[in-house]
Amino acid sequence: MKTSGFSPPVMKIFSDKKPGFSKCIFTVKIFLNILYQRLWFRLILIKLNNYKRYQNLLTH
């Protein structure tokens, strides 16, 4: 599973009155992307550890 290119759907709203608002949305999008990648990494590690334990039970 390749998740490096995934970014959670975030609405892009651009306003002339608030020039810093789009920058804020961009920062939130990056933050959510990092959280999502960390979550997948932890899930993969947990699955690998469970698989190794299962293999040890079968072989010993």
N, C-alpha and C. Protein backbone atom coordinates (compact mmCIF):
# COMPACT_ATOMS: atom_id res chain seq x y z
N MET A 1 0.83 -1.18 0.00
CA MET A 1 0.00 0.00 0.00
C MET A 1 0.88 1.24 0.00
N LYS A 2 0.69 2.05 -1.01
CA LYS A 2 1.49 3.27 -1.11
C LYS A 2 0.60 4.44 -0.73
N THR A 3 0.90 5.10 0.37
CA THR A 3 0.06 6.18 0.85
C THR A 3 0.78 7.52 0.86
N SER A 4 1.96 7.59 0.28
CA SER A 4 2.72 8.83 0.36
C SER A 4 2.05 9.96 -0.42
N GLY A 5 1.30 9.62 -1.48
CA GLY A 5 0.69 10.66 -2.29
C GLY A 5 -0.71 11.04 -1.83
N PHE A 6 -1.22 10.39 -0.81
CA PHE A 6 -2.59 10.65 -0.38
C PHE A 6 -2.66 11.90 0.47
N SER A 7 -3.65 12.72 0.22
CA SER A 7 -3.93 13.84 1.11
C SER A 7 -5.42 13.87 1.38
N PRO A 8 -5.80 14.02 2.63
CA PRO A 8 -7.21 14.03 2.98
C PRO A 8 -7.95 15.16 2.27
N PRO A 9 -9.21 14.97 1.93
CA PRO A 9 -9.94 16.04 1.24
C PRO A 9 -10.15 17.25 2.14
N VAL A 10 -9.63 18.37 1.71
CA VAL A 10 -9.79 19.62 2.46
C VAL A 10 -10.30 20.66 1.49
N MET A 11 -11.37 21.35 1.88
CA MET A 11 -11.91 22.38 1.00
C MET A 11 -10.96 23.56 0.93
N LYS A 12 -10.68 24.00 -0.29
CA LYS A 12 -9.84 25.18 -0.46
C LYS A 12 -10.75 26.38 -0.64
N ILE A 13 -10.66 27.29 0.31
CA ILE A 13 -11.48 28.50 0.25
C ILE A 13 -10.53 29.69 0.20
N PHE A 14 -10.65 30.49 -0.84
CA PHE A 14 -9.80 31.66 -0.97
C PHE A 14 -10.66 32.91 -0.81
N SER A 15 -10.20 33.81 0.03
CA SER A 15 -10.94 35.03 0.30
C SER A 15 -10.03 36.23 0.11
N ASP A 16 -10.56 37.26 -0.53
CA ASP A 16 -9.78 38.49 -0.73
C ASP A 16 -9.64 39.25 0.58
N LYS A 17 -10.61 39.09 1.47
CA LYS A 17 -10.59 39.84 2.73
C LYS A 17 -9.55 39.28 3.71
N LYS A 18 -9.29 37.99 3.63
CA LYS A 18 -8.35 37.36 4.56
C LYS A 18 -7.23 36.68 3.77
N PRO A 19 -6.14 37.40 3.51
CA PRO A 19 -5.07 36.81 2.69
C PRO A 19 -4.34 35.65 3.37
N GLY A 20 -4.34 35.59 4.70
CA GLY A 20 -3.66 34.51 5.41
C GLY A 20 -4.49 33.25 5.57
N PHE A 21 -5.75 33.33 5.15
CA PHE A 21 -6.66 32.20 5.36
C PHE A 21 -6.26 30.99 4.53
N SER A 22 -5.88 31.21 3.26
CA SER A 22 -5.49 30.08 2.41
C SER A 22 -4.22 29.43 2.94
N LYS A 23 -3.33 30.23 3.53
CA LYS A 23 -2.11 29.68 4.13
C LYS A 23 -2.47 28.78 5.31
N CYS A 24 -3.46 29.18 6.08
CA CYS A 24 -3.92 28.39 7.23
C CYS A 24 -4.48 27.05 6.75
N ILE A 25 -5.29 27.06 5.70
CA ILE A 25 -5.86 25.83 5.15
C ILE A 25 -4.75 24.91 4.66
N PHE A 26 -3.73 25.49 4.01
CA PHE A 26 -2.61 24.71 3.51
C PHE A 26 -1.87 24.03 4.66
N THR A 27 -1.67 24.76 5.77
CA THR A 27 -0.98 24.21 6.94
C THR A 27 -1.79 23.06 7.54
N VAL A 28 -3.09 23.22 7.64
CA VAL A 28 -3.97 22.17 8.17
C VAL A 28 -3.90 20.94 7.28
N LYS A 29 -3.87 21.14 5.97
CA LYS A 29 -3.81 20.03 5.02
C LYS A 29 -2.52 19.24 5.21
N ILE A 30 -1.40 19.93 5.36
CA ILE A 30 -0.11 19.25 5.58
C ILE A 30 -0.15 18.49 6.90
N PHE A 31 -0.70 19.10 7.95
CA PHE A 31 -0.79 18.46 9.26
C PHE A 31 -1.61 17.18 9.19
N LEU A 32 -2.76 17.23 8.51
CA LEU A 32 -3.61 16.04 8.38
C LEU A 32 -2.91 14.95 7.58
N ASN A 33 -2.17 15.35 6.56
CA ASN A 33 -1.44 14.38 5.74
C ASN A 33 -0.39 13.65 6.59
N ILE A 34 0.33 14.39 7.43
CA ILE A 34 1.35 13.79 8.29
C ILE A 34 0.69 12.83 9.28
N LEU A 35 -0.42 13.24 9.88
CA LEU A 35 -1.13 12.37 10.82
C LEU A 35 -1.58 11.08 10.14
N TYR A 36 -2.11 11.20 8.92
CA TYR A 36 -2.59 10.03 8.18
C TYR A 36 -1.45 9.06 7.89
N GLN A 37 -0.30 9.59 7.48
CA GLN A 37 0.84 8.73 7.18
C GLN A 37 1.35 8.03 8.44
N ARG A 38 1.38 8.75 9.56
CA ARG A 38 1.81 8.12 10.82
C ARG A 38 0.86 7.01 11.23
N LEU A 39 -0.44 7.24 11.04
CA LEU A 39 -1.43 6.23 11.39
C LEU A 39 -1.22 4.96 10.57
N TRP A 40 -1.01 5.11 9.25
CA TRP A 40 -0.78 3.95 8.41
C TRP A 40 0.50 3.23 8.80
N PHE A 41 1.54 3.99 9.13
CA PHE A 41 2.82 3.39 9.52
C PHE A 41 2.65 2.55 10.78
N ARG A 42 1.90 3.08 11.76
CA ARG A 42 1.66 2.32 13.00
C ARG A 42 0.86 1.06 12.73
N LEU A 43 -0.16 1.17 11.89
CA LEU A 43 -0.98 -0.01 11.58
C LEU A 43 -0.15 -1.09 10.90
N ILE A 44 0.73 -0.70 9.99
CA ILE A 44 1.58 -1.67 9.31
C ILE A 44 2.53 -2.33 10.30
N LEU A 45 3.11 -1.54 11.21
CA LEU A 45 4.01 -2.11 12.22
C LEU A 45 3.28 -3.10 13.11
N ILE A 46 2.07 -2.76 13.53
CA ILE A 46 1.29 -3.66 14.39
C ILE A 46 1.00 -4.97 13.65
N LYS A 47 0.63 -4.87 12.37
CA LYS A 47 0.35 -6.08 11.60
C LYS A 47 1.59 -6.94 11.45
N LEU A 48 2.75 -6.30 11.21
CA LEU A 48 3.99 -7.06 11.09
C LEU A 48 4.34 -7.77 12.39
N ASN A 49 4.17 -7.08 13.51
CA ASN A 49 4.47 -7.69 14.81
C ASN A 49 3.55 -8.87 15.08
N ASN A 50 2.28 -8.72 14.77
CA ASN A 50 1.33 -9.82 14.97
C ASN A 50 1.67 -11.00 14.08
N TYR A 51 2.10 -10.73 12.85
CA TYR A 51 2.48 -11.80 11.92
C TYR A 51 3.71 -12.54 12.43
N LYS A 52 4.68 -11.81 12.96
CA LYS A 52 5.89 -12.45 13.50
C LYS A 52 5.55 -13.33 14.70
N ARG A 53 4.66 -12.85 15.56
CA ARG A 53 4.24 -13.65 16.71
C ARG A 53 3.53 -14.93 16.25
N TYR A 54 2.70 -14.80 15.24
CA TYR A 54 1.98 -15.95 14.69
C TYR A 54 2.96 -16.96 14.10
N GLN A 55 3.96 -16.48 13.38
CA GLN A 55 4.97 -17.37 12.80
C GLN A 55 5.75 -18.08 13.91
N ASN A 56 6.08 -17.36 14.98
CA ASN A 56 6.80 -17.98 16.10
C ASN A 56 5.96 -19.07 16.75
N LEU A 57 4.67 -18.86 16.86
CA LEU A 57 3.80 -19.88 17.45
C LEU A 57 3.76 -21.13 16.58
N LEU A 58 3.78 -20.94 15.27
CA LEU A 58 3.72 -22.09 14.36
C LEU A 58 5.02 -22.88 14.35
N THR A 59 6.15 -22.19 14.49
CA THR A 59 7.44 -22.87 14.37
C THR A 59 7.93 -23.46 15.68
N HIS A 60 7.44 -22.96 16.81
CA HIS A 60 7.94 -23.46 18.11
C HIS A 60 6.92 -24.31 18.82
